[in-house]
Amino acid sequence: MVHYWHDIPATTTTTDDFVHAVIEIPEGSSNKFEYDKEYGIIRLDRVLFTSTHYPANYGFVPRTYADDDDPLDILVLCTQRMVPGVLMRARVLGMFFMVDGDELDIKIIAASSNDPTFADIIDIHQLPHHVLSEMTHFFEVYKELEHKKTKVMKTKGRADALEAIEKSRKAYDEKFAKR
């Protein structure tokens, strides 16, 4: 069985502007699915306490290691909902920083490389303003009824996102060098 986090490369072979994304949560879902690092499968963590839903397909970039001890989070824009466990090739557009509790958390924003709707979008600043507003609003409020605090800090473009991915790839290599 393939281990989604450890057995799939972070980037595709064609260019570093594209990454692999393992989808945990389909766009529109209120289920918080999460990759179980011990068992190597996707499990239900919880149903969101709010009436909000994920604004894009949500998952992680394999073979990355973020400051929260998990793989790097990614939101992948696509005109279709994906199912948990799907591997997508995604064009990196940008990212935003947020604080979740007391931890800094990076969210990579990307677009499906297999969806012609997003073929001409190469940077987060080309997205309609409302798309980014929906994403940041979701992450500002999705834990409110759990009495947990989150705050979206700032948005950055593609170059900064690619740098963050590279940093998390190096952190992965350092953490799991013996794998």
Protein backbone atom coordinates (compact mmCIF):
# COMPACT_ATOMS: atom_id res chain seq x y z
CA MET A 1 0.00 0.00 0.00
CA VAL A 2 1.26 3.47 -0.87
CA HIS A 3 1.90 5.80 2.04
CA TYR A 4 0.49 9.13 0.82
CA TRP A 5 2.87 11.24 2.89
CA HIS A 6 6.13 9.36 2.41
CA ASP A 7 5.91 7.53 -0.94
CA ILE A 8 4.76 10.29 -3.32
CA PRO A 9 7.16 13.07 -4.34
CA ALA A 10 6.20 16.64 -3.44
CA THR A 11 6.73 18.01 -6.93
CA THR A 12 5.96 16.60 -10.33
CA THR A 13 8.77 15.76 -12.71
CA THR A 14 8.00 18.51 -15.22
CA THR A 15 8.56 21.67 -13.18
CA ASP A 16 8.68 22.85 -9.61
CA ASP A 17 5.75 25.23 -10.26
CA PHE A 18 3.53 22.17 -9.95
CA VAL A 19 3.13 20.04 -6.86
CA HIS A 20 1.33 16.87 -5.98
CA ALA A 21 -1.63 17.35 -3.67
CA VAL A 22 -3.29 14.51 -1.78
CA ILE A 23 -6.89 15.56 -1.22
CA GLU A 24 -8.33 14.93 2.22
CA ILE A 25 -11.48 17.07 2.04
CA PRO A 26 -13.66 17.78 -1.01
CA GLU A 27 -14.75 21.33 -1.76
CA GLY A 28 -18.14 21.99 -0.15
CA SER A 29 -17.70 19.43 2.63
CA SER A 30 -18.34 20.07 6.31
CA ASN A 31 -16.50 16.86 7.19
CA LYS A 32 -12.95 17.39 8.46
CA PHE A 33 -11.13 14.40 7.05
CA GLU A 34 -7.49 14.05 8.04
CA TYR A 35 -4.61 11.88 6.97
CA ASP A 36 -3.82 9.39 9.73
CA LYS A 37 -0.01 9.31 9.83
CA GLU A 38 0.09 6.05 11.78
CA TYR A 39 -2.22 3.99 9.58
CA GLY A 40 -1.59 5.76 6.27
CA ILE A 41 -5.29 6.29 5.53
CA ILE A 42 -7.70 9.20 5.55
CA ARG A 43 -10.09 9.23 8.51
CA LEU A 44 -12.91 11.44 9.76
CA ASP A 45 -11.51 13.82 12.37
CA ARG A 46 -14.80 15.60 13.04
CA VAL A 47 -17.81 17.26 11.47
CA LEU A 48 -17.39 21.03 11.56
CA PHE A 49 -19.34 22.73 14.33
CA THR A 50 -20.39 25.57 12.01
CA SER A 51 -22.58 25.71 8.92
CA THR A 52 -19.53 26.64 6.86
CA HIS A 53 -17.92 24.31 4.35
CA TYR A 54 -14.48 23.99 2.78
CA PRO A 55 -14.12 26.57 -0.02
CA ALA A 56 -11.81 24.39 -2.16
CA ASN A 57 -10.47 20.87 -2.31
CA TYR A 58 -8.18 20.63 0.72
CA GLY A 59 -5.26 18.37 1.44
CA PHE A 60 -1.50 18.26 1.77
CA VAL A 61 1.70 18.25 -0.24
CA PRO A 62 3.47 14.89 0.18
CA ARG A 63 7.05 14.71 1.48
CA THR A 64 6.79 18.09 3.19
CA TYR A 65 7.04 18.89 6.89
CA ALA A 66 5.50 22.06 8.28
CA ASP A 67 5.98 23.81 11.62
CA ASP A 68 2.84 22.10 13.00
CA ASP A 69 4.49 18.65 12.60
CA ASP A 70 2.20 17.79 9.67
CA PRO A 71 2.61 17.90 5.91
CA LEU A 72 2.12 21.33 4.32
CA ASP A 73 -1.57 22.20 3.79
CA ILE A 74 -2.88 23.01 0.31
CA LEU A 75 -6.17 24.24 -1.12
CA VAL A 76 -6.67 23.23 -4.76
CA LEU A 77 -9.12 25.18 -6.89
CA CYS A 78 -11.00 23.07 -9.41
CA THR A 79 -14.44 23.25 -10.98
CA GLN A 80 -15.12 19.76 -9.63
CA ARG A 81 -15.11 18.27 -6.14
CA MET A 82 -12.50 15.62 -5.60
CA VAL A 83 -12.86 12.64 -3.29
CA PRO A 84 -10.59 11.95 -0.31
CA GLY A 85 -7.41 10.16 -1.33
CA VAL A 86 -7.21 11.55 -4.86
CA LEU A 87 -3.77 12.65 -6.05
CA MET A 88 -3.89 15.91 -8.00
CA ARG A 89 -1.26 17.78 -9.95
CA ALA A 90 -1.61 21.41 -8.93
CA ARG A 91 -0.13 24.72 -10.09
CA VAL A 92 1.10 26.75 -7.12
CA LEU A 93 -0.51 30.23 -7.08
CA GLY A 94 0.32 31.63 -3.65
CA MET A 95 -0.32 31.16 0.03
CA PHE A 96 -1.60 32.75 3.18
CA PHE A 97 -0.44 32.66 6.77
CA MET A 98 -2.80 32.10 9.65
CA VAL A 99 -2.59 31.60 13.37
CA ASP A 100 -4.48 28.55 14.63
CA GLY A 101 -4.52 28.64 18.41
CA ASP A 102 -0.93 29.60 19.12
CA GLU A 103 0.61 28.03 16.01
CA LEU A 104 1.52 29.67 12.72
CA ASP A 105 -0.02 27.71 9.85
CA ILE A 106 0.67 28.11 6.12
CA LYS A 107 -1.99 27.32 3.53
CA ILE A 108 -0.75 26.90 -0.04
CA ILE A 109 -3.24 28.03 -2.71
CA ALA A 110 -3.10 26.15 -6.01
CA ALA A 111 -5.21 25.33 -9.05
CA SER A 112 -5.73 21.97 -10.70
CA SER A 113 -3.42 21.61 -13.68
CA ASN A 114 -6.05 19.36 -15.28
CA ASP A 115 -8.88 21.93 -15.23
CA PRO A 116 -8.98 24.25 -18.27
CA THR A 117 -10.87 26.89 -16.26
CA PHE A 118 -7.66 27.70 -14.40
CA ALA A 119 -5.19 27.21 -17.28
CA ASP A 120 -4.24 30.89 -17.55
CA ILE A 121 -4.00 31.65 -13.82
CA ILE A 122 -0.42 31.51 -12.56
CA ASP A 123 -0.53 33.74 -9.48
CA ILE A 124 -2.91 34.24 -6.56
CA HIS A 125 -3.37 37.90 -7.52
CA GLN A 126 -5.10 36.83 -10.76
CA LEU A 127 -7.92 35.14 -8.85
CA PRO A 128 -11.18 37.02 -8.38
CA HIS A 129 -11.02 38.89 -5.08
CA HIS A 130 -14.10 37.07 -3.82
CA VAL A 131 -12.42 33.65 -4.16
CA LEU A 132 -9.69 34.72 -1.73
CA SER A 133 -12.26 36.39 0.53
CA GLU A 134 -14.21 33.13 0.80
CA MET A 135 -11.06 31.19 1.67
CA THR A 136 -9.82 33.59 4.30
CA HIS A 137 -13.31 34.03 5.77
CA PHE A 138 -13.70 30.27 6.12
CA PHE A 139 -10.44 29.96 8.05
CA GLU A 140 -11.35 32.95 10.24
CA VAL A 141 -14.65 31.40 11.42
CA TYR A 142 -14.58 27.62 10.99
CA LYS A 143 -13.55 26.94 14.60
CA GLU A 144 -15.58 29.68 16.35
CA LEU A 145 -18.25 27.34 17.74
CA GLU A 146 -15.48 25.13 19.13
CA HIS A 147 -14.34 28.20 21.07
CA LYS A 148 -10.99 28.13 19.27
CA LYS A 149 -9.30 31.19 17.82
CA THR A 150 -7.95 31.49 14.30
CA LYS A 151 -6.71 34.53 12.41
CA VAL A 152 -5.62 34.90 8.80
CA MET A 153 -2.56 37.13 8.71
CA LYS A 154 -1.40 37.85 5.16
CA THR A 155 -1.47 36.59 1.60
CA LYS A 156 1.65 36.05 -0.51
CA GLY A 157 2.22 35.28 -4.19
CA ARG A 158 3.57 32.30 -6.08
CA ALA A 159 7.29 32.95 -5.51
CA ASP A 160 6.83 33.03 -1.73
CA ALA A 161 4.67 29.89 -1.83
CA LEU A 162 7.29 28.00 -3.85
CA GLU A 163 9.91 29.08 -1.32
CA ALA A 164 7.73 27.82 1.56
CA ILE A 165 7.27 24.48 -0.22
CA GLU A 166 11.01 24.12 -0.74
CA LYS A 167 11.65 24.94 2.93
CA SER A 168 9.12 22.30 4.02
CA ARG A 169 10.65 19.75 1.61
CA LYS A 170 14.05 20.31 3.22
CA ALA A 171 12.50 20.03 6.69
CA TYR A 172 10.92 16.72 5.61
CA ASP A 173 14.29 15.42 4.37
CA GLU A 174 15.93 16.38 7.67
CA LYS A 175 13.17 14.82 9.78
CA PHE A 176 12.84 11.60 7.77
CA ALA A 177 16.34 11.24 6.30
CA LYS A 178 16.45 7.51 7.07
CA ARG A 179 13.23 6.65 5.22
